[in-house]
Amino acid sequence: MKKIIFLLIITFTLISCDGFLDSENMVQKDTSNYPTNAKEIEELLTGTYSVFPSVNVNQCTFFVSELMSDDRLGGGAAVDRSWAALDQMKKINDNMFSDFWKKMYYGIYRTNLLLEVIDNIETWNTPNQKNIIKAETHFLRAYFYFELSRAFGNVPLSLNTLDENLPRASVEEVYGQIAADLKYAIETLTDNTFEQDKARSGHATKWAAQGMMARAFLFYTGYYKKESMPLAGGGEMSKQQVINWLDDCIKNSGHGLIPKFHNLWPYGNRATAPDYKYVVDNDVQWIGEEGANYETVYAIKYSAMGEDNSTSLYYSNQPVLYFSIRNQPSFADIFPFGEGWGGGPVATNMINDWKSKEPNDPRRDASVLDVENPDEGLTNYTWGASMQIQETGLWQKKYIAINAYHSEYGLCNYSCSLYGRSPSYKADNTQDQIIIRFADILLMMAELTKDASYIDQVRDRVGLGSVGAYTEEALRNERRWELAFEGLRYYDLLRWGIVGDALNKQNGIQVKNNGVDAVMSYDNINARYQQTGGFLPVPQTQIDLSGGVLTQTPGWGSDAIY
């Protein structure tokens, strides 16, 4: 089945790249004459969803947070200084996260615009269309603000399309708005189950909003040491309310754990499977992304229409490219793994911890490629290829380029066989980026209720025994193993207050830089997190545009240059 094209380019401009939150009449369709009907409202909503993907992964929180966690190193080549800087909680320039900041506020502007104009539309295709679009829009605004607040701390809070020069809002104001937007989405979106709603894959659902509410609640109450989360307009979001919503998701959403953990990941696709030793030995069959994967509660969708150009490259999953193995002399020697930029080698301390604490966990081999493991079937891995640095011989397998043998093209990405693409390794990766998985719903429920039975459900799928009574250590370990390399680890460490201690364990890791033995060194990493609070620097261009109204995150002076 051809992969659905979800991401579209909107052919009009709503926001200038030069201002903070401004708009200009640049083409025929602009904010003075658009939107005027239900179809154009739908287009605007699609344009808002299109903010999710990014060509520049240095501006993508999934990529950035993975490199900042204790499970990954920076990697790449010596020229990829920004990745090594991220790994050390440092910067290479004063505007390192400028695109990310602007992208999130582009999305927020679009949500604000949509909410301002939607009541002007009188004719709708279905009775509930308007309510659903409004609810999805509230979800998206909450998502953008949550991404910003996890990255930068308290940020400017804009709820309209006026050109305003805003200071940082208080943490309570930002999270109060996140909670209010998600509450609106939960109470307005339909009760349709996964099976009933799977044709709308990629759109926000009630269940996704419930999961995002739990994630925001856990981060806010954990990092800021609160018992509840504020609610814009008055009141608060209690732990019990969040528990009730997660219980609703668990019992009524139609989502659940698929039977086999390793079937979640594309290396088991039907084009690759017959030739990959690990897949054959373990009877792996990828469940795919077109309606069968009921474990995915919410995901960013990508398409097979990406091309290696600035216009459509972002249709493809760029983090997969950047997390894949740097150019090998022969990719047949490391089949089925494909070409990329070598970012985020898995840290050996992570694997050592995993083997020590959960020696019989099959998720380890399902999640991590050890190039020296004969069960993988690799024939000749070349160390130091294309000047790879911080190389451990360990690569994550969840988001990595996967090849297959094609009758016409030979060895190329599996998307050529499954979706009819012509090979272009920079744009071939079509894999969804899972934002919320049902396993995470269960583990968040365990953390909120202190009930180990939810942890045991996750462990039971992979044949591991009960953890017994609930403990904080059991919960934290289970999140680390089950959700490894899914963009959650750094934020877990941050909200638990253990980032510095965790990263200190990477000191002394043996690596190879361009094939030469070396040792990782983290200079005063605990001090960096105490200085910055674990948050990123606000782009200096934004501070300058504000005339100093916007202030810098503490700890990001000139001494933080890598």
Protein backbone atom coordinates (compact mmCIF):
# COMPACT_ATOMS: atom_id res chain seq x y z
CA MET A 1 0.00 0.00 0.00
CA LYS A 2 1.40 3.40 -0.95
CA LYS A 3 2.26 5.49 2.08
CA ILE A 4 -0.29 8.25 2.65
CA ILE A 5 0.91 11.80 1.98
CA PHE A 6 0.01 13.59 5.19
CA LEU A 7 2.38 16.54 5.18
CA LEU A 8 1.54 19.26 2.65
CA ILE A 9 3.24 22.52 1.82
CA ILE A 10 0.90 25.46 2.23
CA THR A 11 1.46 27.74 -0.76
CA PHE A 12 0.91 30.97 1.10
CA THR A 13 2.89 32.68 3.81
CA LEU A 14 1.39 33.68 7.14
CA ILE A 15 4.53 34.64 8.98
CA SER A 16 7.66 36.59 8.17
CA CYS A 17 10.94 35.01 9.21
CA ASP A 18 12.24 38.41 10.29
CA GLY A 19 9.90 39.13 13.18
CA PHE A 20 8.83 37.42 16.36
CA LEU A 21 5.15 36.77 15.63
CA ASP A 22 4.28 38.90 12.62
CA SER A 23 2.42 38.51 9.33
CA GLU A 24 2.72 40.13 5.93
CA ASN A 25 0.76 40.19 2.68
CA MET A 26 3.31 38.40 0.53
CA VAL A 27 1.22 36.49 -2.03
CA GLN A 28 -2.38 36.35 -3.15
CA LYS A 29 -3.59 34.42 -0.10
CA ASP A 30 -2.83 36.06 3.22
CA THR A 31 -4.40 36.84 6.56
CA SER A 32 -6.69 39.49 5.07
CA ASN A 33 -8.54 37.12 2.75
CA TYR A 34 -7.88 33.65 4.09
CA PRO A 35 -9.53 31.41 5.24
CA THR A 36 -13.11 31.96 4.05
CA ASN A 37 -14.65 28.46 4.09
CA ALA A 38 -14.41 25.04 5.73
CA LYS A 39 -12.01 23.69 3.10
CA GLU A 40 -9.57 26.53 3.73
CA ILE A 41 -9.86 26.03 7.48
CA GLU A 42 -8.83 22.39 6.90
CA GLU A 43 -5.89 23.63 4.81
CA LEU A 44 -4.82 25.93 7.61
CA LEU A 45 -5.01 23.06 10.08
CA THR A 46 -2.86 20.92 7.76
CA GLY A 47 -0.40 23.80 7.54
CA THR A 48 -0.22 23.85 11.32
CA TYR A 49 0.54 20.14 11.47
CA SER A 50 3.29 20.71 8.89
CA VAL A 51 5.28 22.62 11.53
CA PHE A 52 6.21 19.29 13.17
CA PRO A 53 8.95 17.97 10.85
CA SER A 54 12.30 19.67 10.35
CA VAL A 55 15.10 19.45 7.80
CA ASN A 56 17.55 20.89 10.34
CA VAL A 57 17.62 18.26 13.07
CA ASN A 58 19.74 20.52 15.26
CA GLN A 59 16.44 22.35 15.76
CA CYS A 60 14.43 19.17 16.46
CA THR A 61 13.84 18.38 20.14
CA PHE A 62 13.70 14.64 19.43
CA PHE A 63 17.24 14.71 18.03
CA VAL A 64 18.59 17.31 20.47
CA SER A 65 17.23 15.64 23.61
CA GLU A 66 18.60 12.26 22.56
CA LEU A 67 22.13 13.66 22.25
CA MET A 68 21.75 15.41 25.61
CA SER A 69 20.73 12.23 27.43
CA ASP A 70 23.00 9.74 29.18
CA ASP A 71 22.12 7.03 26.64
CA ARG A 72 23.77 8.68 23.62
CA LEU A 73 26.92 10.53 22.62
CA GLY A 74 27.16 13.36 20.09
CA GLY A 75 28.86 11.44 17.30
CA GLY A 76 29.00 12.45 13.66
CA ALA A 77 32.33 13.74 12.33
CA ALA A 78 34.66 16.38 13.74
CA VAL A 79 32.87 19.00 11.62
CA ASP A 80 29.59 18.28 13.46
CA ARG A 81 30.60 20.47 16.39
CA SER A 82 27.04 21.26 17.40
CA TRP A 83 26.38 17.61 18.26
CA ALA A 84 29.45 17.36 20.48
CA ALA A 85 28.42 20.66 22.06
CA LEU A 86 24.93 19.35 22.83
CA ASP A 87 26.43 16.28 24.45
CA GLN A 88 28.39 18.61 26.76
CA MET A 89 25.50 21.06 27.36
CA LYS A 90 27.35 23.80 25.49
CA LYS A 91 26.79 25.90 22.37
CA ILE A 92 28.72 26.68 19.18
CA ASN A 93 27.12 30.10 18.63
CA ASP A 94 24.51 32.43 20.11
CA ASN A 95 21.71 31.39 17.74
CA MET A 96 22.08 27.63 17.83
CA PHE A 97 18.35 27.05 18.40
CA SER A 98 16.97 29.96 16.39
CA ASP A 99 15.09 27.83 13.86
CA PHE A 100 13.48 25.72 16.58
CA TRP A 101 12.31 28.81 18.48
CA LYS A 102 10.83 30.36 15.33
CA LYS A 103 9.24 27.09 14.18
CA MET A 104 7.37 26.62 17.43
CA TYR A 105 6.09 30.20 17.37
CA TYR A 106 5.12 29.80 13.71
CA GLY A 107 2.96 26.91 14.84
CA ILE A 108 1.54 28.91 17.74
CA TYR A 109 0.74 31.83 15.44
CA ARG A 110 -1.15 29.48 13.12
CA THR A 111 -3.14 27.99 15.99
CA ASN A 112 -4.00 31.46 17.27
CA LEU A 113 -5.05 32.57 13.80
CA LEU A 114 -7.18 29.49 13.33
CA LEU A 115 -8.95 30.00 16.65
CA GLU A 116 -9.56 33.67 15.80
CA VAL A 117 -11.13 33.06 12.39
CA ILE A 118 -12.92 29.74 12.76
CA ASP A 119 -16.10 31.30 14.16
CA ASN A 120 -16.40 33.39 10.99
CA ILE A 121 -17.11 30.27 8.92
CA GLU A 122 -20.84 29.53 8.79
CA THR A 123 -21.08 26.43 6.58
CA TRP A 124 -19.49 23.13 7.57
CA ASN A 125 -19.37 19.71 5.92
CA THR A 126 -20.49 17.85 9.06
CA PRO A 127 -22.17 18.98 12.30
CA ASN A 128 -19.06 18.27 14.39
CA GLN A 129 -16.35 19.41 11.95
CA LYS A 130 -15.86 22.83 13.54
CA ASN A 131 -15.60 21.42 17.08
CA ILE A 132 -13.07 18.78 16.02
CA ILE A 133 -10.87 21.31 14.24
CA LYS A 134 -10.96 23.65 17.25
CA ALA A 135 -10.04 20.79 19.58
CA GLU A 136 -7.14 19.66 17.38
CA THR A 137 -5.94 23.26 17.25
CA HIS A 138 -5.96 23.52 21.05
CA PHE A 139 -3.99 20.26 21.19
CA LEU A 140 -1.41 21.61 18.75
CA ARG A 141 -0.98 24.87 20.66
CA ALA A 142 -0.43 22.92 23.86
CA TYR A 143 2.08 20.69 22.08
CA PHE A 144 4.10 23.64 20.75
CA TYR A 145 4.17 25.37 24.13
CA PHE A 146 5.15 22.16 25.90
CA GLU A 147 8.03 21.65 23.47
CA LEU A 148 9.17 25.22 24.10
CA SER A 149 8.82 25.06 27.88
CA ARG A 150 10.70 21.77 28.19
CA ALA A 151 13.49 23.24 26.09
CA PHE A 152 13.75 26.84 27.36
CA GLY A 153 11.83 26.95 30.65
CA ASN A 154 9.33 29.79 30.94
CA VAL A 155 8.74 31.39 27.54
CA PRO A 156 6.64 34.24 26.07
CA LEU A 157 2.95 33.33 26.03
CA SER A 158 1.07 34.62 22.99
CA LEU A 159 -2.62 33.77 22.61
CA ASN A 160 -3.50 36.03 19.68
CA THR A 161 -2.09 37.20 16.34
CA LEU A 162 -1.14 40.70 17.45
CA ASP A 163 2.47 41.76 16.87
CA GLU A 164 3.51 41.91 20.50
CA ASN A 165 6.86 42.23 22.23
CA LEU A 166 6.40 39.79 25.07
CA PRO A 167 8.66 38.95 28.01
CA ARG A 168 8.91 35.48 29.43
CA ALA A 169 5.64 34.49 31.08
CA SER A 170 5.71 32.74 34.43
CA VAL A 171 6.00 28.97 34.51
CA GLU A 172 2.52 28.86 36.05
CA GLU A 173 1.04 30.87 33.19
CA VAL A 174 2.63 28.71 30.49
CA TYR A 175 1.68 25.37 32.04
CA GLY A 176 -1.74 26.71 32.97
CA GLN A 177 -2.37 27.38 29.28
CA ILE A 178 -0.98 23.98 28.25
CA ALA A 179 -3.35 22.33 30.72
CA ALA A 180 -6.33 24.41 29.57
CA ASP A 181 -5.72 23.66 25.89
CA LEU A 182 -5.32 19.94 26.51
CA LYS A 183 -8.40 19.88 28.74
CA TYR A 184 -10.41 21.49 25.94
CA ALA A 185 -9.13 18.88 23.49
CA ILE A 186 -9.92 15.99 25.82
CA GLU A 187 -13.44 17.21 26.49
CA THR A 188 -14.22 18.04 22.85
CA LEU A 189 -12.63 15.33 20.72
CA THR A 190 -14.72 12.22 20.07
CA ASP A 191 -14.67 8.93 21.96
CA ASN A 192 -13.89 7.06 18.73
CA THR A 193 -11.62 4.09 19.31
CA PHE A 194 -8.39 3.51 17.43
CA GLU A 195 -10.19 1.17 15.05
CA GLN A 196 -12.92 3.72 14.33
CA ASP A 197 -10.48 6.60 13.85
CA LYS A 198 -7.45 4.98 12.21
CA ALA A 199 -8.22 6.54 8.81
CA ARG A 200 -7.34 9.89 10.45
CA SER A 201 -3.89 8.72 11.51
CA GLY A 202 -1.66 11.68 12.30
CA HIS A 203 -4.48 13.83 13.66
CA ALA A 204 -4.81 14.55 17.36
CA THR A 205 -7.28 12.38 19.26
CA LYS A 206 -8.82 12.45 22.70
CA TRP A 207 -6.44 9.66 23.71
CA ALA A 208 -3.38 11.56 22.47
CA ALA A 209 -4.52 14.61 24.45
CA GLN A 210 -4.90 12.49 27.59
CA GLY A 211 -1.40 11.10 27.14
CA MET A 212 0.06 14.54 26.51
CA MET A 213 -1.69 15.89 29.61
CA ALA A 214 -0.07 13.17 31.73
CA ARG A 215 3.33 13.90 30.22
CA ALA A 216 3.01 17.64 30.87
CA PHE A 217 1.70 17.02 34.40
CA LEU A 218 4.60 14.72 35.28
CA PHE A 219 7.17 17.16 33.92
CA TYR A 220 5.68 20.22 35.62
CA THR A 221 5.08 18.60 39.00
CA GLY A 222 8.41 16.77 38.88
CA TYR A 223 10.73 19.53 37.74
CA TYR A 224 9.05 22.33 39.69
CA LYS A 225 8.18 20.12 42.67
CA LYS A 226 4.44 20.80 42.70
CA GLU A 227 1.45 18.66 43.68
CA SER A 228 -0.87 19.87 40.91
CA MET A 229 -0.74 21.81 37.65
CA PRO A 230 -2.35 25.25 37.27
CA LEU A 231 -5.26 25.76 34.90
CA ALA A 232 -5.62 29.00 32.92
CA GLY A 233 -8.77 30.81 33.94
CA GLY A 234 -8.63 29.48 37.48
CA GLY A 235 -8.50 26.18 39.28
CA GLU A 236 -5.95 23.43 38.94
CA MET A 237 -5.31 20.11 37.29
CA SER A 238 -5.10 17.46 40.00
CA LYS A 239 -3.20 14.21 39.90
CA GLN A 240 -6.46 12.28 40.30
CA GLN A 241 -7.97 13.94 37.23
CA VAL A 242 -4.93 12.97 35.16
CA ILE A 243 -5.15 9.41 36.51
CA ASN A 244 -8.83 9.27 35.57
CA TRP A 245 -8.04 10.32 32.02
CA LEU A 246 -5.24 7.77 31.68
CA ASP A 247 -7.61 5.11 32.99
CA ASP A 248 -10.09 6.14 30.31
CA CYS A 249 -7.39 5.82 27.66
CA ILE A 250 -6.32 2.39 28.91
CA LYS A 251 -9.85 1.01 29.06
CA ASN A 252 -11.66 2.69 26.18
CA SER A 253 -9.25 3.92 23.49
CA GLY A 254 -8.77 0.66 21.63
CA HIS A 255 -5.02 1.17 21.96
CA GLY A 256 -2.89 -1.50 23.58
CA LEU A 257 0.44 -3.31 23.50
CA ILE A 258 1.02 -5.25 20.30
CA PRO A 259 2.09 -8.84 21.06
CA LYS A 260 5.79 -8.54 20.14
CA PHE A 261 7.97 -5.56 21.02
CA HIS A 262 10.38 -5.99 18.11
CA ASN A 263 7.52 -5.87 15.60
CA LEU A 264 7.21 -2.13 16.28
CA TRP A 265 10.31 -1.22 14.27
CA PRO A 266 10.85 -1.12 10.47
CA TYR A 267 13.83 -3.49 10.33
CA GLY A 268 11.21 -6.26 10.25
CA ASN A 269 9.55 -4.97 7.06
CA ARG A 270 8.68 -7.59 4.46
CA ALA A 271 11.29 -6.43 1.92
CA THR A 272 14.18 -6.61 4.39
CA ALA A 273 13.05 -9.51 6.57
CA PRO A 274 14.16 -12.54 4.48
CA ASP A 275 17.79 -11.36 4.41
CA TYR A 276 18.32 -10.03 7.95
CA LYS A 277 19.61 -12.69 10.34
CA TYR A 278 18.20 -11.16 13.52
CA VAL A 279 14.74 -10.90 11.96
CA VAL A 280 14.78 -14.46 10.64
CA ASP A 281 16.06 -15.91 13.92
CA ASN A 282 13.46 -14.05 15.99
CA ASP A 283 10.46 -14.24 13.64
CA VAL A 284 10.13 -10.45 13.45
CA GLN A 285 7.32 -9.04 11.31
CA TRP A 286 6.94 -5.28 11.27
CA ILE A 287 3.38 -4.28 12.09
CA GLY A 288 3.67 -1.24 9.81
CA GLU A 289 2.10 2.20 10.01
CA GLU A 290 -1.04 2.08 7.91
CA GLY A 291 -3.68 1.04 10.41
CA ALA A 292 -2.51 -2.13 12.16
CA ASN A 293 -0.31 -0.56 14.83
CA TYR A 294 -2.74 0.09 17.66
CA GLU A 295 0.12 0.71 20.08
CA THR A 296 0.87 4.12 18.56
CA VAL A 297 -1.31 6.69 20.31
CA TYR A 298 0.16 9.64 18.44
CA ALA A 299 2.84 10.01 15.76
CA ILE A 300 4.28 12.51 13.32
CA LYS A 301 3.60 11.18 9.84
CA TYR A 302 6.11 11.26 6.99
CA SER A 303 5.65 10.41 3.34
CA ALA A 304 7.36 8.74 0.40
CA MET A 305 7.26 11.99 -1.57
CA GLY A 306 10.41 13.57 -0.11
CA GLU A 307 13.17 14.68 -2.46
CA ASP A 308 16.73 15.83 -1.85
CA ASN A 309 15.94 19.54 -2.06
CA SER A 310 15.03 22.32 0.34
CA THR A 311 11.36 22.25 -0.65
CA SER A 312 10.39 18.67 0.11
CA LEU A 313 13.26 17.05 2.02
CA TYR A 314 11.28 17.50 5.24
CA TYR A 315 8.60 15.13 3.94
CA SER A 316 11.07 12.43 4.97
CA ASN A 317 12.15 11.56 8.50
CA GLN A 318 15.39 13.50 8.85
CA PRO A 319 16.29 12.34 12.39
CA VAL A 320 16.50 8.80 10.98
CA LEU A 321 19.06 9.99 8.42
CA TYR A 322 21.11 11.75 11.09
CA PHE A 323 21.00 8.78 13.47
CA SER A 324 22.15 6.29 10.81
CA ILE A 325 25.65 4.91 10.28
CA ARG A 326 28.19 7.07 8.43
CA ASN A 327 29.30 6.06 4.96
CA GLN A 328 30.76 2.55 4.96
CA PRO A 329 32.95 1.16 2.15
CA SER A 330 30.16 -1.33 1.46
CA PHE A 331 26.70 -1.19 2.98
CA ALA A 332 26.21 -4.81 1.94
CA ASP A 333 28.70 -5.60 4.72
CA ILE A 334 26.40 -4.09 7.36
CA PHE A 335 23.06 -5.12 5.86
CA PRO A 336 20.32 -4.14 6.51
CA PHE A 337 21.51 -0.84 7.94
CA GLY A 338 21.68 2.15 5.62
CA GLU A 339 23.60 5.38 5.27
CA GLY A 340 23.40 8.49 7.40
CA TRP A 341 25.44 11.00 9.36
CA GLY A 342 26.46 8.97 12.42
CA GLY A 343 24.75 11.04 15.10
CA GLY A 344 24.03 9.70 18.57
CA PRO A 345 26.13 6.55 19.02
CA VAL A 346 24.77 4.57 21.95
CA ALA A 347 26.83 5.11 25.10
CA THR A 348 28.46 1.98 26.51
CA ASN A 349 27.41 2.92 30.04
CA MET A 350 23.78 2.54 28.92
CA ILE A 351 24.34 -0.99 27.64
CA ASN A 352 26.41 -1.94 30.68
CA ASP A 353 23.61 -0.72 32.97
CA TRP A 354 21.04 -2.65 30.93
CA LYS A 355 23.02 -5.89 31.01
CA SER A 356 23.66 -5.53 34.72
CA LYS A 357 20.11 -4.69 35.78
CA GLU A 358 18.11 -6.69 33.22
CA PRO A 359 20.46 -9.32 31.73
CA ASN A 360 17.76 -11.35 29.97
CA ASP A 361 15.81 -8.48 28.44
CA PRO A 362 15.13 -9.22 24.73
CA ARG A 363 14.39 -5.52 24.14
CA ARG A 364 18.12 -4.81 24.28
CA ASP A 365 18.93 -6.67 21.05
CA ALA A 366 15.66 -5.42 19.55
CA SER A 367 16.72 -1.82 20.26
CA VAL A 368 20.52 -1.77 19.94
CA LEU A 369 22.84 -2.88 17.15
CA ASP A 370 26.16 -4.15 18.47
CA VAL A 371 28.36 -4.32 15.38
CA GLU A 372 30.35 -7.16 16.95
CA ASN A 373 27.30 -9.29 17.78
CA PRO A 374 27.32 -12.30 15.41
CA ASP A 375 23.55 -12.65 15.79
CA GLU A 376 23.17 -9.47 13.71
CA GLY A 377 24.79 -11.06 10.66
CA LEU A 378 27.05 -8.12 9.78
CA THR A 379 30.08 -9.25 7.78
CA ASN A 380 32.55 -6.35 7.90
CA TYR A 381 31.88 -3.17 9.86
CA THR A 382 34.52 -0.48 9.23
CA TRP A 383 35.45 1.61 12.25
CA GLY A 384 36.19 5.29 11.66
CA ALA A 385 34.41 5.36 8.31
CA SER A 386 33.94 8.87 6.93
CA MET A 387 35.79 10.29 9.98
CA GLN A 388 33.21 9.07 12.52
CA ILE A 389 33.91 10.29 16.06
CA GLN A 390 32.74 9.12 19.49
CA GLU A 391 32.19 5.68 17.98
CA THR A 392 31.24 2.88 20.36
CA GLY A 393 30.15 0.19 17.89
CA LEU A 394 26.66 0.51 19.34
CA TRP A 395 23.78 2.03 17.33
CA GLN A 396 20.11 2.25 18.17
CA LYS A 397 17.80 0.26 15.87
CA LYS A 398 14.46 2.03 16.36
CA TYR A 399 15.14 5.06 14.17
CA ILE A 400 17.83 4.05 11.67
CA ALA A 401 17.94 3.73 7.88
CA ILE A 402 16.97 0.20 6.79
CA ASN A 403 17.88 -1.26 3.41
CA ALA A 404 16.45 -4.09 1.32
CA TYR A 405 17.41 -5.73 -1.96
CA HIS A 406 15.41 -4.28 -4.86
CA SER A 407 15.05 -6.06 -8.21
CA GLU A 408 15.88 -2.90 -10.18
CA TYR A 409 17.93 -0.70 -7.85
CA GLY A 410 19.86 -3.31 -5.90
CA LEU A 411 20.58 -2.38 -2.28
CA CYS A 412 18.50 0.63 -1.23
CA ASN A 413 16.04 1.80 1.41
CA TYR A 414 13.03 -0.46 2.01
CA SER A 415 10.75 2.42 0.97
CA CYS A 416 11.76 1.76 -2.64
CA SER A 417 10.20 -1.70 -2.43
CA LEU A 418 7.22 -0.86 -0.23
CA TYR A 419 6.25 2.58 -1.51
CA GLY A 420 7.72 2.76 -5.02
CA ARG A 421 10.39 5.37 -4.31
CA SER A 422 13.46 5.95 -6.44
CA PRO A 423 16.59 5.71 -4.26
CA SER A 424 17.79 8.91 -2.58
CA TYR A 425 19.27 8.08 0.81
CA LYS A 426 18.82 11.60 2.20
CA ALA A 427 15.07 11.50 1.54
CA ASP A 428 14.24 7.78 1.68
CA ASN A 429 13.33 7.44 5.36
CA THR A 430 9.54 7.43 5.63
CA GLN A 431 9.17 6.01 9.14
CA ASP A 432 6.68 7.65 11.51
CA GLN A 433 8.11 9.36 14.58
CA ILE A 434 6.11 7.99 17.48
CA ILE A 435 5.30 10.70 20.01
CA ILE A 436 3.14 8.66 22.41
CA ARG A 437 3.13 4.88 22.63
CA PHE A 438 0.67 2.85 24.71
CA ALA A 439 3.57 1.42 26.73
CA ASP A 440 4.28 4.97 27.87
CA ILE A 441 0.63 5.40 28.86
CA LEU A 442 0.98 2.36 31.13
CA LEU A 443 4.26 3.54 32.62
CA MET A 444 2.93 7.04 33.28
CA MET A 445 -0.05 5.43 34.99
CA ALA A 446 2.31 3.36 37.13
CA GLU A 447 4.25 6.47 38.12
CA LEU A 448 1.15 8.45 39.03
CA THR A 449 -0.57 5.66 40.97
CA LYS A 450 2.53 3.91 42.37
CA ASP A 451 0.98 0.69 41.07
CA ALA A 452 3.52 -1.86 39.80
CA SER A 453 0.90 -3.85 37.88
CA TYR A 454 1.17 -1.36 35.01
CA ILE A 455 4.94 -1.91 34.88
CA ASP A 456 4.36 -5.65 34.89
CA GLN A 457 2.06 -5.40 31.86
CA VAL A 458 4.92 -3.88 29.89
CA ARG A 459 7.38 -6.49 31.13
CA ASP A 460 5.04 -9.39 30.54
CA ARG A 461 5.03 -8.72 26.80
CA VAL A 462 8.77 -9.49 26.62
CA GLY A 463 8.68 -12.44 29.01
CA LEU A 464 10.13 -10.71 32.07
CA GLY A 465 8.84 -11.34 35.56
CA SER A 466 7.07 -9.00 37.95
CA VAL A 467 9.04 -6.21 39.63
CA GLY A 468 7.15 -6.95 42.84
CA ALA A 469 6.18 -3.92 44.88
CA TYR A 470 6.35 -0.53 43.17
CA THR A 471 9.63 1.31 43.59
CA GLU A 472 10.95 4.47 41.99
CA GLU A 473 14.00 2.56 40.76
CA ALA A 474 11.86 -0.10 39.05
CA LEU A 475 9.79 2.56 37.27
CA ARG A 476 12.82 4.53 36.16
CA ASN A 477 14.62 1.47 34.85
CA GLU A 478 11.56 0.27 32.96
CA ARG A 479 11.12 3.62 31.26
CA ARG A 480 14.78 3.60 30.28
CA TRP A 481 14.66 0.15 28.67
CA GLU A 482 11.18 0.17 27.14
CA LEU A 483 11.28 3.74 25.78
CA ALA A 484 14.97 3.89 24.89
CA PHE A 485 15.87 6.21 21.99
CA GLU A 486 12.33 7.61 21.68
CA GLY A 487 13.14 11.18 22.76
CA LEU A 488 12.00 10.86 26.39
CA ARG A 489 15.07 9.96 28.44
CA TYR A 490 16.57 13.45 28.85
CA TYR A 491 13.27 14.95 29.96
CA ASP A 492 12.78 12.09 32.41
CA LEU A 493 16.20 12.79 33.92
CA LEU A 494 15.41 16.49 34.04
CA ARG A 495 12.10 16.11 35.87
CA TRP A 496 13.61 13.56 38.27
CA GLY A 497 16.47 15.96 39.04
CA ILE A 498 19.26 13.49 38.22
CA VAL A 499 20.66 14.75 34.90
CA GLY A 500 24.11 15.68 36.16
CA ASP A 501 24.62 12.46 38.09
CA ALA A 502 23.49 10.38 35.13
CA LEU A 503 25.77 12.14 32.64
CA ASN A 504 28.75 11.86 34.95
CA LYS A 505 28.63 8.12 34.28
CA GLN A 506 29.70 8.82 30.69
CA ASN A 507 33.09 10.06 31.88
CA GLY A 508 35.80 7.64 30.82
CA ILE A 509 33.81 5.83 28.12
CA GLN A 510 36.12 4.24 25.57
CA VAL A 511 35.42 5.46 22.02
CA LYS A 512 37.13 5.73 18.67
CA ASN A 513 37.63 9.08 16.94
CA ASN A 514 38.34 8.56 13.24
CA GLY A 515 39.38 5.01 14.12
CA VAL A 516 41.76 6.08 16.91
CA ASP A 517 41.15 5.07 20.53
CA ALA A 518 40.00 7.90 22.78
CA VAL A 519 38.20 8.52 26.07
CA MET A 520 35.10 10.65 26.67
CA SER A 521 35.55 13.49 29.15
CA TYR A 522 32.76 15.60 30.64
CA ASP A 523 34.19 18.64 32.37
CA ASN A 524 32.03 19.82 35.29
CA ILE A 525 28.83 18.53 33.72
CA ASN A 526 27.00 18.79 37.04
CA ALA A 527 27.88 22.47 37.21
CA ARG A 528 26.48 23.03 33.71
CA TYR A 529 23.09 21.69 34.77
CA GLN A 530 23.10 23.69 37.98
CA GLN A 531 23.88 26.84 35.99
CA THR A 532 21.30 26.31 33.24
CA GLY A 533 18.63 24.30 34.99
CA GLY A 534 18.99 21.89 32.07
CA PHE A 535 17.36 24.39 29.69
CA LEU A 536 18.65 25.69 26.35
CA PRO A 537 19.75 29.23 25.42
CA VAL A 538 17.24 31.62 23.88
CA PRO A 539 18.48 32.73 20.43
CA GLN A 540 20.31 36.05 20.75
CA THR A 541 18.52 37.34 17.64
CA GLN A 542 15.22 37.06 19.51
CA ILE A 543 16.60 38.92 22.52
CA ASP A 544 17.91 41.65 20.21
CA LEU A 545 14.58 41.90 18.35
CA SER A 546 12.81 42.37 21.68
CA GLY A 547 15.13 45.19 22.73
CA GLY A 548 16.05 43.24 25.83
CA VAL A 549 12.46 42.54 26.90
CA LEU A 550 13.21 38.86 26.40
CA THR A 551 15.94 37.58 28.71
CA GLN A 552 18.56 34.88 28.32
CA THR A 553 18.44 31.50 30.04
CA PRO A 554 20.91 31.51 32.97
CA GLY A 555 24.26 29.84 32.39
CA TRP A 556 24.59 30.56 28.68
CA GLY A 557 27.26 33.24 28.59
CA SER A 558 30.46 33.22 26.53
CA ASP A 559 31.98 30.57 28.80
CA ALA A 560 29.43 28.08 27.44
CA ILE A 561 30.97 28.15 23.94
CA TYR A 562 32.22 24.71 22.90
